[in-house]
N, C-alpha and C. Protein backbone atom coordinates (compact mmCIF):
# COMPACT_ATOMS: atom_id res chain seq x y z
N MET A 1 0.84 -1.17 0.00
CA MET A 1 0.00 0.00 0.00
C MET A 1 0.89 1.24 0.00
N SER A 2 0.52 2.23 -0.77
CA SER A 2 1.35 3.43 -0.87
C SER A 2 1.13 4.35 0.34
N GLU A 3 2.13 5.17 0.57
CA GLU A 3 2.09 6.10 1.70
C GLU A 3 1.13 7.25 1.38
N ARG A 4 0.41 7.72 2.39
CA ARG A 4 -0.51 8.83 2.21
C ARG A 4 0.26 10.13 2.03
N ILE A 5 -0.32 11.02 1.24
CA ILE A 5 0.28 12.33 1.00
C ILE A 5 -0.41 13.35 1.89
N ASN A 6 0.36 14.15 2.59
CA ASN A 6 -0.19 15.24 3.38
C ASN A 6 -0.24 16.46 2.48
N LEU A 7 -1.43 16.75 1.96
CA LEU A 7 -1.59 17.84 1.00
C LEU A 7 -1.24 19.19 1.63
N GLY A 8 -1.53 19.36 2.90
CA GLY A 8 -1.21 20.61 3.59
C GLY A 8 0.28 20.90 3.63
N LYS A 9 1.09 19.86 3.69
CA LYS A 9 2.54 20.04 3.72
C LYS A 9 3.16 20.06 2.32
N SER A 10 2.65 19.21 1.44
CA SER A 10 3.27 19.10 0.12
C SER A 10 2.80 20.18 -0.85
N ALA A 11 1.58 20.68 -0.68
CA ALA A 11 1.06 21.73 -1.57
C ALA A 11 0.13 22.65 -0.78
N PRO A 12 0.69 23.48 0.10
CA PRO A 12 -0.15 24.30 0.98
C PRO A 12 -1.09 25.25 0.25
N ALA A 13 -0.68 25.80 -0.87
CA ALA A 13 -1.56 26.72 -1.61
C ALA A 13 -2.77 25.96 -2.16
N LEU A 14 -2.54 24.77 -2.68
CA LEU A 14 -3.64 23.95 -3.19
C LEU A 14 -4.58 23.56 -2.05
N TYR A 15 -4.01 23.19 -0.92
CA TYR A 15 -4.82 22.81 0.24
C TYR A 15 -5.71 23.98 0.68
N GLN A 16 -5.15 25.17 0.73
CA GLN A 16 -5.93 26.35 1.12
C GLN A 16 -7.05 26.62 0.11
N ALA A 17 -6.78 26.41 -1.17
CA ALA A 17 -7.81 26.60 -2.19
C ALA A 17 -8.94 25.60 -2.02
N VAL A 18 -8.61 24.35 -1.74
CA VAL A 18 -9.62 23.32 -1.52
C VAL A 18 -10.45 23.65 -0.29
N MET A 19 -9.80 24.10 0.78
CA MET A 19 -10.53 24.44 2.00
C MET A 19 -11.42 25.67 1.78
N GLY A 20 -10.96 26.61 0.97
CA GLY A 20 -11.78 27.77 0.64
C GLY A 20 -13.01 27.38 -0.14
N LEU A 21 -12.85 26.44 -1.06
CA LEU A 21 -14.00 25.94 -1.83
C LEU A 21 -15.00 25.25 -0.92
N GLU A 22 -14.51 24.48 0.03
CA GLU A 22 -15.39 23.81 0.99
C GLU A 22 -16.16 24.83 1.82
N LYS A 23 -15.49 25.88 2.24
CA LYS A 23 -16.15 26.93 3.04
C LYS A 23 -17.23 27.62 2.21
N LEU A 24 -16.92 27.97 0.98
CA LEU A 24 -17.90 28.63 0.11
C LEU A 24 -19.10 27.73 -0.16
N SER A 25 -18.85 26.45 -0.38
CA SER A 25 -19.97 25.54 -0.65
C SER A 25 -20.84 25.38 0.59
N ALA A 26 -20.24 25.34 1.77
CA ALA A 26 -21.02 25.24 3.01
C ALA A 26 -21.88 26.49 3.20
N GLU A 27 -21.33 27.66 2.89
CA GLU A 27 -22.10 28.90 3.00
C GLU A 27 -23.25 28.92 1.99
N ALA A 28 -23.01 28.43 0.79
CA ALA A 28 -24.06 28.39 -0.24
C ALA A 28 -25.17 27.44 0.16
N VAL A 29 -24.82 26.29 0.73
CA VAL A 29 -25.81 25.33 1.19
C VAL A 29 -26.66 25.95 2.30
N ALA A 30 -26.01 26.63 3.23
CA ALA A 30 -26.73 27.25 4.34
C ALA A 30 -27.66 28.35 3.86
N SER A 31 -27.20 29.17 2.95
CA SER A 31 -28.02 30.29 2.47
C SER A 31 -29.18 29.81 1.60
N ALA A 32 -29.04 28.65 0.98
CA ALA A 32 -30.11 28.11 0.13
C ALA A 32 -31.07 27.21 0.91
N ASN A 33 -30.82 27.06 2.21
CA ASN A 33 -31.66 26.21 3.07
C ASN A 33 -31.78 24.78 2.54
N ILE A 34 -30.67 24.25 2.05
CA ILE A 34 -30.64 22.87 1.56
C ILE A 34 -30.46 21.95 2.77
N PRO A 35 -31.28 20.91 2.88
CA PRO A 35 -31.14 19.97 4.00
C PRO A 35 -29.74 19.35 4.02
N ILE A 36 -29.21 19.14 5.22
CA ILE A 36 -27.84 18.67 5.38
C ILE A 36 -27.62 17.32 4.69
N GLY A 37 -28.59 16.43 4.77
CA GLY A 37 -28.45 15.12 4.11
C GLY A 37 -28.31 15.26 2.60
N PHE A 38 -29.09 16.15 2.02
CA PHE A 38 -29.00 16.38 0.58
C PHE A 38 -27.67 17.04 0.23
N ALA A 39 -27.20 17.92 1.09
CA ALA A 39 -25.91 18.57 0.87
C ALA A 39 -24.78 17.53 0.84
N HIS A 40 -24.86 16.53 1.71
CA HIS A 40 -23.85 15.47 1.71
C HIS A 40 -23.90 14.68 0.40
N LEU A 41 -25.10 14.43 -0.10
CA LEU A 41 -25.23 13.74 -1.38
C LEU A 41 -24.64 14.57 -2.52
N LEU A 42 -24.85 15.87 -2.48
CA LEU A 42 -24.28 16.75 -3.50
C LEU A 42 -22.76 16.72 -3.47
N ARG A 43 -22.18 16.77 -2.28
CA ARG A 43 -20.72 16.72 -2.15
C ARG A 43 -20.17 15.39 -2.65
N LEU A 44 -20.88 14.32 -2.31
CA LEU A 44 -20.46 13.00 -2.77
C LEU A 44 -20.49 12.92 -4.29
N ARG A 45 -21.53 13.44 -4.88
CA ARG A 45 -21.66 13.42 -6.34
C ARG A 45 -20.57 14.29 -6.98
N ALA A 46 -20.28 15.43 -6.38
CA ALA A 46 -19.28 16.34 -6.94
C ALA A 46 -17.87 15.76 -6.83
N SER A 47 -17.66 14.90 -5.83
CA SER A 47 -16.32 14.35 -5.66
C SER A 47 -16.08 13.27 -6.69
């Protein structure tokens, strides 16, 4: 099995961009009053 990559250490700018996208998507879900279960399905589909 291969070793896991720590994205925060190996590519900190990319990690910050991914975390920023997660924050924006959480804010959009909250402002649209989307049920949390459906939001999880959306994230799963997007991944």
